[in-house]
Amino acid sequence: MLTVMTTPKVDKVLKKYEKKYDNNISLFMSSKKGLDPQAAFDLIALTLLTGPMVESILYVTMKTLRNYKNRKTHLNAAISEKILSIFALYGKGISIFGSVEEFNKWMSAPSYGLGGQRPNYLLDIMTGINLIIEELTRIEYGDLA
């Protein structure tokens, strides 16, 4: 059973990784080092994405993620970068929408500023994540024309 994370849990997850994505150098260094596989499971808890969606975003199966976790193997740089970038995206989105619940609703609905695409479907490549961040900035500043 999936439940929506309460604000303290959301804050705890984002705070756990914040120093790893708070600037481009930290993001680069943390990604190159590789994240603990728990980060993928924290991502699932935060975003409420389904297993198949996470597999398509990270290009790795849930079975492989569980194996990494059991073997205490770090995630590769590409997966680590994507997870940290999504955490940064969620930090921004939650600050704009006021809660993870509201942001998750926005992420799963078609967005006019993203060509009618659901933001969740743009998470599989870094350009998509950057497009979502740009759209959030437009929303933040009321530039919706």
C-alpha atoms as a PDB file:
ATOM      1  CA  MET A   1       0.000   0.000   0.000  1.00  0.00           C
ATOM      2  CA  LEU A   2       1.383   3.394  -1.014  1.00  0.00           C
ATOM      3  CA  THR A   3       0.701   6.365   1.173  1.00  0.00           C
ATOM      4  CA  VAL A   4       1.420  10.008   0.576  1.00  0.00           C
ATOM      5  CA  MET A   5       4.441  11.165   2.532  1.00  0.00           C
ATOM      6  CA  THR A   6       3.744  13.621   5.288  1.00  0.00           C
ATOM      7  CA  THR A   7       5.626  16.899   5.294  1.00  0.00           C
ATOM      8  CA  PRO A   8       8.199  15.811   7.917  1.00  0.00           C
ATOM      9  CA  LYS A   9       9.035  12.718   5.834  1.00  0.00           C
ATOM     10  CA  VAL A  10       9.268  14.797   2.644  1.00  0.00           C
ATOM     11  CA  ASP A  11      11.524  17.281   4.393  1.00  0.00           C
ATOM     12  CA  LYS A  12      13.645  14.449   5.775  1.00  0.00           C
ATOM     13  CA  VAL A  13      14.132  12.863   2.333  1.00  0.00           C
ATOM     14  CA  LEU A  14      14.977  16.136   0.606  1.00  0.00           C
ATOM     15  CA  LYS A  15      17.257  17.258   3.439  1.00  0.00           C
ATOM     16  CA  LYS A  16      19.084  13.913   3.260  1.00  0.00           C
ATOM     17  CA  TYR A  17      20.188  14.673  -0.315  1.00  0.00           C
ATOM     18  CA  GLU A  18      20.098  18.484  -0.443  1.00  0.00           C
ATOM     19  CA  LYS A  19      23.846  19.004  -0.064  1.00  0.00           C
ATOM     20  CA  LYS A  20      24.380  16.602  -2.963  1.00  0.00           C
ATOM     21  CA  TYR A  21      22.325  18.704  -5.420  1.00  0.00           C
ATOM     22  CA  ASP A  22      22.365  22.256  -4.036  1.00  0.00           C
ATOM     23  CA  ASN A  23      24.904  23.428  -6.636  1.00  0.00           C
ATOM     24  CA  ASN A  24      26.293  22.059  -9.896  1.00  0.00           C
ATOM     25  CA  ILE A  25      29.675  21.080  -8.430  1.00  0.00           C
ATOM     26  CA  SER A  26      28.025  19.103  -5.621  1.00  0.00           C
ATOM     27  CA  LEU A  27      25.660  17.498  -8.129  1.00  0.00           C
ATOM     28  CA  PHE A  28      28.588  16.543 -10.370  1.00  0.00           C
ATOM     29  CA  MET A  29      30.773  15.166  -7.578  1.00  0.00           C
ATOM     30  CA  SER A  30      27.936  13.266  -5.884  1.00  0.00           C
ATOM     31  CA  SER A  31      26.804  11.793  -9.192  1.00  0.00           C
ATOM     32  CA  LYS A  32      30.322  10.668 -10.109  1.00  0.00           C
ATOM     33  CA  LYS A  33      30.735   9.068  -6.689  1.00  0.00           C
ATOM     34  CA  GLY A  34      27.364   7.313  -7.048  1.00  0.00           C
ATOM     35  CA  LEU A  35      24.459   7.259  -4.660  1.00  0.00           C
ATOM     36  CA  ASP A  36      23.504   4.536  -2.260  1.00  0.00           C
ATOM     37  CA  PRO A  37      20.659   2.522  -3.865  1.00  0.00           C
ATOM     38  CA  GLN A  38      18.331   3.655  -1.067  1.00  0.00           C
ATOM     39  CA  ALA A  39      18.111   6.936  -2.989  1.00  0.00           C
ATOM     40  CA  ALA A  40      16.042   5.186  -5.688  1.00  0.00           C
ATOM     41  CA  PHE A  41      13.603   3.913  -3.073  1.00  0.00           C
ATOM     42  CA  ASP A  42      13.451   7.351  -1.437  1.00  0.00           C
ATOM     43  CA  LEU A  43      12.642   8.735  -4.897  1.00  0.00           C
ATOM     44  CA  ILE A  44       9.767   6.271  -5.264  1.00  0.00           C
ATOM     45  CA  ALA A  45       8.395   7.207  -1.843  1.00  0.00           C
ATOM     46  CA  LEU A  46       8.584  10.921  -2.644  1.00  0.00           C
ATOM     47  CA  THR A  47       7.189  10.856  -6.171  1.00  0.00           C
ATOM     48  CA  LEU A  48       4.706   7.983  -5.760  1.00  0.00           C
ATOM     49  CA  LEU A  49       5.722   6.793  -9.221  1.00  0.00           C
ATOM     50  CA  THR A  50       4.954   3.184 -10.072  1.00  0.00           C
ATOM     51  CA  GLY A  51       7.689   0.578 -10.453  1.00  0.00           C
ATOM     52  CA  PRO A  52       7.340   0.504 -14.268  1.00  0.00           C
ATOM     53  CA  MET A  53       7.554   4.317 -14.417  1.00  0.00           C
ATOM     54  CA  VAL A  54      10.698   4.329 -12.281  1.00  0.00           C
ATOM     55  CA  GLU A  55      12.206   1.620 -14.471  1.00  0.00           C
ATOM     56  CA  SER A  56      11.545   3.718 -17.584  1.00  0.00           C
ATOM     57  CA  ILE A  57      12.952   6.865 -15.963  1.00  0.00           C
ATOM     58  CA  LEU A  58      16.128   5.306 -14.540  1.00  0.00           C
ATOM     59  CA  TYR A  59      16.631   2.682 -17.268  1.00  0.00           C
ATOM     60  CA  VAL A  60      17.088  -0.033 -14.666  1.00  0.00           C
ATOM     61  CA  THR A  61      14.730  -2.689 -13.328  1.00  0.00           C
ATOM     62  CA  MET A  62      13.363  -2.725  -9.820  1.00  0.00           C
ATOM     63  CA  LYS A  63      14.988  -6.139  -9.382  1.00  0.00           C
ATOM     64  CA  THR A  64      18.370  -4.623 -10.219  1.00  0.00           C
ATOM     65  CA  LEU A  65      17.782  -1.774  -7.758  1.00  0.00           C
ATOM     66  CA  ARG A  66      16.925  -4.285  -5.034  1.00  0.00           C
ATOM     67  CA  ASN A  67      20.070  -6.271  -5.902  1.00  0.00           C
ATOM     68  CA  TYR A  68      22.192  -3.102  -5.673  1.00  0.00           C
ATOM     69  CA  LYS A  69      20.660  -2.399  -2.281  1.00  0.00           C
ATOM     70  CA  ASN A  70      21.236  -5.946  -1.003  1.00  0.00           C
ATOM     71  CA  ARG A  71      24.834  -5.940  -2.258  1.00  0.00           C
ATOM     72  CA  LYS A  72      25.464  -2.369  -1.076  1.00  0.00           C
ATOM     73  CA  THR A  73      26.590  -1.376  -4.587  1.00  0.00           C
ATOM     74  CA  HIS A  74      26.495   2.302  -5.503  1.00  0.00           C
ATOM     75  CA  LEU A  75      24.353   3.493  -8.402  1.00  0.00           C
ATOM     76  CA  ASN A  76      26.178   4.625 -11.533  1.00  0.00           C
ATOM     77  CA  ALA A  77      26.731   8.305 -12.313  1.00  0.00           C
ATOM     78  CA  ALA A  78      23.874   8.650 -14.816  1.00  0.00           C
ATOM     79  CA  ILE A  79      21.279   7.171 -12.462  1.00  0.00           C
ATOM     80  CA  SER A  80      22.649   9.166  -9.523  1.00  0.00           C
ATOM     81  CA  GLU A  81      22.531  12.423 -11.507  1.00  0.00           C
ATOM     82  CA  LYS A  82      18.956  11.799 -12.582  1.00  0.00           C
ATOM     83  CA  ILE A  83      17.783  10.960  -9.050  1.00  0.00           C
ATOM     84  CA  LEU A  84      19.477  14.027  -7.565  1.00  0.00           C
ATOM     85  CA  SER A  85      18.048  16.234 -10.322  1.00  0.00           C
ATOM     86  CA  ILE A  86      14.564  14.910  -9.604  1.00  0.00           C
ATOM     87  CA  PHE A  87      15.063  15.592  -5.892  1.00  0.00           C
ATOM     88  CA  ALA A  88      16.040  19.179  -6.785  1.00  0.00           C
ATOM     89  CA  LEU A  89      13.008  19.431  -9.058  1.00  0.00           C
ATOM     90  CA  TYR A  90      10.757  18.218  -6.248  1.00  0.00           C
ATOM     91  CA  GLY A  91      12.276  20.674  -3.788  1.00  0.00           C
ATOM     92  CA  LYS A  92      11.425  23.526  -6.158  1.00  0.00           C
ATOM     93  CA  GLY A  93       7.992  22.136  -7.005  1.00  0.00           C
ATOM     94  CA  ILE A  94       6.985  21.628  -3.394  1.00  0.00           C
ATOM     95  CA  SER A  95       8.055  25.182  -2.531  1.00  0.00           C
ATOM     96  CA  ILE A  96       5.874  26.518  -5.369  1.00  0.00           C
ATOM     97  CA  PHE A  97       2.826  24.271  -4.895  1.00  0.00           C
ATOM     98  CA  GLY A  98       2.964  24.163  -1.088  1.00  0.00           C
ATOM     99  CA  SER A  99       2.910  20.386  -0.633  1.00  0.00           C
ATOM    100  CA  VAL A 100       4.150  17.184  -2.193  1.00  0.00           C
ATOM    101  CA  GLU A 101       0.537  16.131  -2.740  1.00  0.00           C
ATOM    102  CA  GLU A 102      -0.276  19.206  -4.827  1.00  0.00           C
ATOM    103  CA  PHE A 103       2.986  18.966  -6.737  1.00  0.00           C
ATOM    104  CA  ASN A 104       2.404  15.282  -7.493  1.00  0.00           C
ATOM    105  CA  LYS A 105      -1.053  16.205  -8.856  1.00  0.00           C
ATOM    106  CA  TRP A 106       0.538  18.793 -11.145  1.00  0.00           C
ATOM    107  CA  MET A 107       3.230  16.328 -12.226  1.00  0.00           C
ATOM    108  CA  SER A 108       0.586  13.822 -13.351  1.00  0.00           C
ATOM    109  CA  ALA A 109      -1.676  16.242 -15.256  1.00  0.00           C
ATOM    110  CA  PRO A 110      -1.142  17.555 -18.806  1.00  0.00           C
ATOM    111  CA  SER A 111       0.705  20.879 -18.772  1.00  0.00           C
ATOM    112  CA  TYR A 112       0.002  23.543 -21.371  1.00  0.00           C
ATOM    113  CA  GLY A 113       3.526  24.968 -21.010  1.00  0.00           C
ATOM    114  CA  LEU A 114       4.998  21.541 -21.760  1.00  0.00           C
ATOM    115  CA  GLY A 115       3.073  21.012 -24.968  1.00  0.00           C
ATOM    116  CA  GLY A 116       0.266  19.183 -23.212  1.00  0.00           C
ATOM    117  CA  GLN A 117       2.647  16.536 -21.860  1.00  0.00           C
ATOM    118  CA  ARG A 118       2.389  15.213 -18.326  1.00  0.00           C
ATOM    119  CA  PRO A 119       5.558  16.317 -16.516  1.00  0.00           C
ATOM    120  CA  ASN A 120       6.027  12.801 -15.099  1.00  0.00           C
ATOM    121  CA  TYR A 121       6.544  11.567 -18.662  1.00  0.00           C
ATOM    122  CA  LEU A 122       9.462  13.952 -19.214  1.00  0.00           C
ATOM    123  CA  LEU A 123      11.598  12.611 -16.365  1.00  0.00           C
ATOM    124  CA  ASP A 124      13.386   9.982 -18.445  1.00  0.00           C
ATOM    125  CA  ILE A 125      15.959  12.378 -19.910  1.00  0.00           C
ATOM    126  CA  MET A 126      17.765  15.358 -18.420  1.00  0.00           C
ATOM    127  CA  THR A 127      16.356  17.722 -21.058  1.00  0.00           C
ATOM    128  CA  GLY A 128      12.862  16.800 -19.874  1.00  0.00           C
ATOM    129  CA  ILE A 129      13.784  17.497 -16.259  1.00  0.00           C
ATOM    130  CA  ASN A 130      15.202  20.872 -17.330  1.00  0.00           C
ATOM    131  CA  LEU A 131      12.001  21.679 -19.254  1.00  0.00           C
ATOM    132  CA  ILE A 132       9.963  20.971 -16.121  1.00  0.00           C
ATOM    133  CA  ILE A 133      12.249  23.225 -14.066  1.00  0.00           C
ATOM    134  CA  GLU A 134      11.807  25.999 -16.652  1.00  0.00           C
ATOM    135  CA  GLU A 135       8.014  25.573 -16.488  1.00  0.00           C
ATOM    136  CA  LEU A 136       8.120  25.719 -12.691  1.00  0.00           C
ATOM    137  CA  THR A 137      10.094  28.961 -12.904  1.00  0.00           C
ATOM    138  CA  ARG A 138       7.439  30.417 -15.231  1.00  0.00           C
ATOM    139  CA  ILE A 139       4.723  29.356 -12.778  1.00  0.00           C
ATOM    140  CA  GLU A 140       6.699  30.762  -9.852  1.00  0.00           C
ATOM    141  CA  TYR A 141       6.934  34.179 -11.517  1.00  0.00           C
ATOM    142  CA  GLY A 142       3.434  34.143 -13.038  1.00  0.00           C
ATOM    143  CA  ASP A 143       4.761  34.090 -16.622  1.00  0.00           C
ATOM    144  CA  LEU A 144       2.065  31.836 -18.037  1.00  0.00           C
ATOM    145  CA  ALA A 145       1.273  33.675 -21.275  1.00  0.00           C
END
